[in-house]
Amino acid sequence: MTKTASAAPKRYILTISCPDAVGIVAGVAGFLSGFGAFIEESSHFGDPTTDRFFMRTVFQEHPSLPAIAEVEKSFAQDVAAKFNMEWRIHPADYKPRVLILVSKFDHCLNDILYRYRTGQLRMDIPAVVSNHRDLERLVEWHGIPYHHLPVDQASKAAQEAQILEMVDRLQIDLVVLARYMQILSGEMCEALSGRCINIHHSFLPSFKGARPYYQAHARGVKIIGATAHYVTTDLDEGPIIEQEVERVDHAKTPEDLTAIGRDIESRVLARAVGYHIEHRVLMNGIKTVVFK
């Protein structure tokens, strides 16, 4: 008689932000152990400049663990209220629903789609939106609906309204600007606050605007890089999630810098998306805490 393998225990991710104080880690660990939950991993950080405390804890359920709604209710009363916490418990097996916006450059989109298809990024992509048709066949090859929503100054408000309608209708958790070459309106930035990631084609804040690698070449830079950040109403000034740089020298042409830069952009954006969907990014005022 063959023994049936038991199902893996369900996992949850607890994220916390609160004023720094003594006893937070002990309070959380004691609460979870009191329910028989097994703590799989835990990271925490106290920021002395903002006097805020941040924590990410992954725990497994136990046969004696009550329904998660009951755990949440008890945690709110017994721990969160005591420390004035902003907190949430996320089911670890939930796949966030991600909407990708793209224009004509395909390197970041290609990288995300590959990582999505191979399971490196555990998420669902209900749709890709573009203001051009160039990448339609690539997206549809992956079995993902492609929505061509052209935009100009006169149609910008209507086009953004269509995108926001899709965000609501498709229950989108995160919007990713994978080299989407449009500046979002203030209204759209507000609507997507904390759930829209952009990849900027430089190591912020230098070389903003068009042809950044040509600007960098003209200045004789020795490093180039890319920055993934949350979108805010302040253009390219949102909280930074991830950055990377690479050393270059005088022998590199603008085309060399462009190729190197695109590789960096793809890696940085993929890491930022991964950190977000795994609930590793916590807001700390105008910056972030990222538990890697």
Protein backbone atom coordinates (compact mmCIF):
# COMPACT_ATOMS: atom_id res chain seq x y z
CA MET A 1 0.00 0.00 0.00
CA THR A 2 1.49 3.32 -1.08
CA LYS A 3 1.66 6.07 1.47
CA THR A 4 0.10 9.33 0.31
CA ALA A 5 2.43 12.30 0.71
CA SER A 6 1.03 14.91 3.04
CA ALA A 7 0.44 18.37 1.64
CA ALA A 8 3.06 20.99 2.41
CA PRO A 9 2.02 23.32 5.23
CA LYS A 10 0.54 26.62 4.15
CA ARG A 11 2.92 29.59 4.50
CA TYR A 12 2.22 33.22 5.36
CA ILE A 13 4.24 36.42 5.22
CA LEU A 14 3.77 38.95 8.02
CA THR A 15 4.97 42.50 7.27
CA ILE A 16 5.19 45.18 9.94
CA SER A 17 6.02 48.88 10.14
CA CYS A 18 5.73 50.81 13.40
CA PRO A 19 7.48 53.24 15.74
CA ASP A 20 10.66 51.65 17.07
CA ALA A 21 10.39 50.24 20.58
CA VAL A 22 11.72 47.55 22.86
CA GLY A 23 10.03 44.16 22.73
CA ILE A 24 8.60 44.09 19.18
CA VAL A 25 10.52 41.02 17.99
CA ALA A 26 9.79 39.15 21.20
CA GLY A 27 6.12 40.12 20.99
CA VAL A 28 5.75 38.85 17.42
CA ALA A 29 7.72 35.64 18.00
CA GLY A 30 5.86 34.92 21.22
CA PHE A 31 2.50 35.48 19.58
CA LEU A 32 3.26 33.13 16.68
CA SER A 33 4.77 30.42 18.89
CA GLY A 34 1.72 30.67 21.11
CA PHE A 35 -0.37 29.55 18.15
CA GLY A 36 2.06 26.77 17.30
CA ALA A 37 3.19 28.50 14.11
CA PHE A 38 6.69 27.65 12.89
CA ILE A 39 8.79 30.71 11.98
CA GLU A 40 10.63 29.86 8.78
CA GLU A 41 12.56 33.12 8.39
CA SER A 42 12.49 36.59 9.88
CA SER A 43 14.23 39.89 9.12
CA HIS A 44 13.94 43.20 10.91
CA PHE A 45 15.46 46.67 10.88
CA GLY A 46 15.22 49.70 13.12
CA ASP A 47 15.99 52.98 11.35
CA PRO A 48 17.53 55.49 13.79
CA THR A 49 16.95 58.41 11.39
CA THR A 50 13.19 57.90 11.12
CA ASP A 51 12.73 56.02 14.41
CA ARG A 52 10.71 53.39 12.57
CA PHE A 53 10.89 49.61 12.90
CA PHE A 54 10.35 47.19 10.01
CA MET A 55 9.88 43.44 10.04
CA ARG A 56 9.16 40.63 7.57
CA THR A 57 8.43 37.18 8.97
CA VAL A 58 7.54 34.00 7.10
CA PHE A 59 5.71 31.38 9.13
CA GLN A 60 4.09 28.01 8.49
CA GLU A 61 0.71 26.93 9.70
CA HIS A 62 0.38 24.14 12.24
CA PRO A 63 -2.48 21.64 12.69
CA SER A 64 -3.50 23.56 15.82
CA LEU A 65 -3.40 26.96 14.06
CA PRO A 66 -6.91 28.42 13.85
CA ALA A 67 -8.30 30.07 10.74
CA ILE A 68 -6.04 32.89 9.57
CA ALA A 69 -8.85 35.42 10.12
CA GLU A 70 -8.86 34.49 13.80
CA VAL A 71 -5.07 34.80 13.95
CA GLU A 72 -5.30 38.26 12.39
CA LYS A 73 -7.97 39.35 14.86
CA SER A 74 -5.89 38.18 17.83
CA PHE A 75 -2.72 39.77 16.45
CA ALA A 76 -4.49 43.11 15.97
CA GLN A 77 -5.68 43.08 19.59
CA ASP A 78 -2.71 41.52 21.38
CA VAL A 79 0.33 42.84 19.46
CA ALA A 80 -0.42 45.41 16.75
CA ALA A 81 -2.40 47.76 18.99
CA LYS A 82 0.31 47.72 21.65
CA PHE A 83 3.01 48.86 19.20
CA ASN A 84 0.87 51.00 16.88
CA MET A 85 1.68 48.78 13.91
CA GLU A 86 0.88 49.02 10.24
CA TRP A 87 0.82 45.36 9.35
CA ARG A 88 -0.55 42.70 7.06
CA ILE A 89 -0.49 38.90 6.73
CA HIS A 90 -0.12 37.70 3.12
CA PRO A 91 -0.70 34.11 1.93
CA ALA A 92 2.70 33.12 0.49
CA ASP A 93 1.15 31.00 -2.27
CA TYR A 94 -0.87 33.89 -3.73
CA LYS A 95 0.36 34.98 -7.15
CA PRO A 96 0.06 38.76 -7.52
CA ARG A 97 -1.64 39.96 -10.69
CA VAL A 98 0.71 42.18 -12.68
CA LEU A 99 -0.14 44.52 -15.56
CA ILE A 100 2.80 45.47 -17.78
CA LEU A 101 2.96 48.75 -19.72
CA VAL A 102 5.51 48.97 -22.54
CA SER A 103 6.24 51.05 -25.64
CA LYS A 104 8.75 49.88 -28.31
CA PHE A 105 11.88 48.80 -26.42
CA ASP A 106 11.52 45.09 -25.67
CA HIS A 107 14.51 44.18 -23.48
CA CYS A 108 12.82 44.59 -20.08
CA LEU A 109 9.58 43.01 -21.31
CA ASN A 110 11.47 40.04 -22.78
CA ASP A 111 13.29 39.48 -19.52
CA ILE A 112 10.14 39.66 -17.39
CA LEU A 113 8.21 37.33 -19.69
CA TYR A 114 11.04 34.79 -19.61
CA ARG A 115 11.23 34.87 -15.82
CA TYR A 116 7.43 34.63 -15.65
CA ARG A 117 7.31 31.67 -18.05
CA THR A 118 10.05 29.76 -16.19
CA GLY A 119 8.54 30.45 -12.77
CA GLN A 120 11.33 32.70 -11.48
CA LEU A 121 8.76 35.45 -10.97
CA ARG A 122 5.73 33.85 -9.30
CA MET A 123 2.95 36.05 -10.58
CA ASP A 124 0.13 36.18 -13.09
CA ILE A 125 0.13 38.58 -16.05
CA PRO A 126 -3.49 39.10 -17.16
CA ALA A 127 -2.53 41.65 -19.84
CA VAL A 128 0.13 43.81 -21.45
CA VAL A 129 -0.73 47.34 -22.56
CA SER A 130 1.22 49.32 -25.15
CA ASN A 131 0.84 52.56 -27.04
CA HIS A 132 2.38 50.80 -30.07
CA ARG A 133 1.78 47.49 -31.86
CA ASP A 134 5.46 46.51 -32.20
CA LEU A 135 5.50 43.88 -29.42
CA GLU A 136 2.07 42.35 -30.00
CA ARG A 137 3.28 39.06 -31.50
CA LEU A 138 5.89 38.58 -28.76
CA VAL A 139 3.31 39.00 -25.99
CA GLU A 140 0.66 36.85 -27.66
CA TRP A 141 3.24 34.08 -28.20
CA HIS A 142 3.34 33.86 -24.39
CA GLY A 143 -0.46 33.49 -24.35
CA ILE A 144 -1.03 36.90 -22.78
CA PRO A 145 -3.68 39.35 -24.10
CA TYR A 146 -2.16 42.45 -25.72
CA HIS A 147 -4.01 45.75 -25.60
CA HIS A 148 -2.96 48.46 -28.05
CA LEU A 149 -3.98 51.81 -26.55
CA PRO A 150 -2.42 54.60 -28.63
CA VAL A 151 -1.97 57.94 -26.90
CA ASP A 152 -1.30 61.57 -27.76
CA GLN A 153 -1.77 64.77 -25.82
CA ALA A 154 -5.45 65.01 -26.76
CA SER A 155 -6.28 61.41 -25.84
CA LYS A 156 -4.03 61.01 -22.78
CA ALA A 157 -6.78 61.34 -20.16
CA ALA A 158 -9.08 58.89 -21.97
CA GLN A 159 -6.25 56.40 -22.51
CA GLU A 160 -5.23 56.50 -18.84
CA ALA A 161 -8.87 56.03 -17.84
CA GLN A 162 -8.92 52.84 -19.96
CA ILE A 163 -5.81 51.56 -18.20
CA LEU A 164 -7.21 52.30 -14.74
CA GLU A 165 -10.46 50.56 -15.71
CA MET A 166 -8.40 47.48 -16.60
CA VAL A 167 -6.54 47.71 -13.29
CA ASP A 168 -9.87 47.56 -11.44
CA ARG A 169 -11.57 45.01 -13.67
CA LEU A 170 -8.61 42.61 -13.77
CA GLN A 171 -7.92 43.08 -10.03
CA ILE A 172 -4.34 44.16 -10.70
CA ASP A 173 -1.97 44.19 -7.71
CA LEU A 174 1.04 45.78 -9.44
CA VAL A 175 1.65 47.84 -12.57
CA VAL A 176 5.12 47.59 -14.13
CA LEU A 177 6.43 50.23 -16.54
CA ALA A 178 8.82 48.13 -18.64
CA ARG A 179 10.24 51.08 -20.60
CA TYR A 180 6.83 52.66 -21.11
CA MET A 181 7.83 55.93 -22.72
CA GLN A 182 4.98 58.05 -21.43
CA ILE A 183 4.84 60.32 -18.40
CA LEU A 184 1.90 59.33 -16.21
CA SER A 185 -0.46 62.08 -15.12
CA GLY A 186 -0.60 63.13 -11.49
CA GLU A 187 -4.06 61.56 -11.19
CA MET A 188 -2.80 58.21 -12.47
CA CYS A 189 0.26 58.31 -10.19
CA GLU A 190 -2.02 58.90 -7.21
CA ALA A 191 -4.36 56.07 -8.25
CA LEU A 192 -1.42 53.64 -8.48
CA SER A 193 0.49 54.89 -5.43
CA GLY A 194 2.66 52.16 -3.93
CA ARG A 195 1.81 49.66 -6.66
CA CYS A 196 3.52 50.97 -9.79
CA ILE A 197 7.22 50.33 -10.52
CA ASN A 198 9.26 52.13 -13.17
CA ILE A 199 12.72 51.39 -14.54
CA HIS A 200 14.80 54.50 -15.11
CA HIS A 201 17.57 54.32 -17.68
CA SER A 202 20.26 55.86 -15.49
CA PHE A 203 21.71 55.79 -12.02
CA LEU A 204 19.41 58.45 -10.60
CA PRO A 205 19.43 61.37 -10.47
CA SER A 206 21.90 61.95 -13.33
CA PHE A 207 21.22 62.18 -17.06
CA LYS A 208 17.46 62.53 -17.11
CA GLY A 209 15.52 62.84 -20.35
CA ALA A 210 16.26 61.61 -23.86
CA ARG A 211 19.36 59.71 -25.05
CA PRO A 212 20.82 59.21 -21.55
CA TYR A 213 23.71 57.03 -22.70
CA TYR A 214 24.77 59.66 -25.23
CA GLN A 215 24.70 62.25 -22.45
CA ALA A 216 26.77 59.91 -20.29
CA HIS A 217 29.27 59.31 -23.11
CA ALA A 218 29.65 63.03 -23.74
CA ARG A 219 30.49 63.51 -20.04
CA GLY A 220 33.01 60.65 -20.03
CA VAL A 221 31.34 58.69 -17.26
CA LYS A 222 33.12 55.78 -15.61
CA ILE A 223 30.00 54.01 -14.34
CA ILE A 224 26.54 53.56 -15.79
CA GLY A 225 23.51 52.08 -14.14
CA ALA A 226 19.77 51.78 -13.78
CA THR A 227 17.22 52.49 -11.05
CA ALA A 228 13.89 50.82 -10.28
CA HIS A 229 11.57 52.96 -8.19
CA TYR A 230 7.94 53.45 -7.27
CA VAL A 231 6.11 55.98 -9.40
CA THR A 232 5.03 59.23 -7.75
CA THR A 233 3.81 62.59 -8.97
CA ASP A 234 7.43 63.81 -8.80
CA LEU A 235 8.98 62.56 -12.05
CA ASP A 236 11.72 59.97 -11.44
CA GLU A 237 11.88 60.92 -7.75
CA GLY A 238 9.88 58.02 -6.25
CA PRO A 239 11.18 55.71 -3.50
CA ILE A 240 14.04 53.62 -4.88
CA ILE A 241 13.74 49.83 -4.71
CA GLU A 242 16.84 48.61 -6.52
CA GLN A 243 19.88 49.97 -8.38
CA GLU A 244 22.92 48.56 -10.15
CA VAL A 245 26.01 50.06 -11.77
CA GLU A 246 28.76 48.78 -14.04
CA ARG A 247 32.19 50.28 -14.67
CA VAL A 248 32.99 51.46 -18.19
CA ASP A 249 35.92 53.31 -19.72
CA HIS A 250 36.90 55.68 -22.50
CA ALA A 251 36.93 52.93 -25.12
CA LYS A 252 33.19 52.29 -24.89
CA THR A 253 31.05 53.78 -27.64
CA PRO A 254 27.53 55.13 -27.05
CA GLU A 255 26.24 51.91 -28.60
CA ASP A 256 28.31 49.87 -26.13
CA LEU A 257 26.89 51.88 -23.24
CA THR A 258 23.36 51.40 -24.56
CA ALA A 259 23.80 47.61 -24.76
CA ILE A 260 25.34 47.39 -21.29
CA GLY A 261 22.67 49.71 -19.90
CA ARG A 262 19.82 47.65 -21.30
CA ASP A 263 21.18 44.51 -19.65
CA ILE A 264 21.38 46.35 -16.32
CA GLU A 265 17.86 47.75 -16.73
CA SER A 266 16.44 44.27 -17.28
CA ARG A 267 18.15 42.82 -14.21
CA VAL A 268 17.28 45.71 -11.93
CA LEU A 269 13.61 45.78 -12.94
CA ALA A 270 13.25 42.02 -12.52
CA ARG A 271 14.76 42.14 -9.04
CA ALA A 272 12.54 45.06 -8.02
CA VAL A 273 9.41 43.26 -9.23
CA GLY A 274 10.50 40.11 -7.40
CA TYR A 275 11.09 41.99 -4.15
CA HIS A 276 7.68 43.65 -4.39
CA ILE A 277 5.64 40.54 -5.13
CA GLU A 278 7.41 38.67 -2.30
CA HIS A 279 6.51 41.50 0.12
CA ARG A 280 10.14 42.36 0.75
CA VAL A 281 9.71 46.12 0.24
CA LEU A 282 8.41 48.32 3.06
CA MET A 283 7.94 52.07 2.74
CA ASN A 284 10.06 54.27 4.99
CA GLY A 285 8.92 57.80 4.21
CA ILE A 286 10.44 58.79 0.85
CA LYS A 287 12.69 55.71 0.79
CA THR A 288 12.31 51.96 1.20
CA VAL A 289 13.50 49.10 3.36
CA VAL A 290 14.16 46.01 1.22
CA PHE A 291 14.64 42.65 2.93
CA LYS A 292 16.62 40.60 0.38
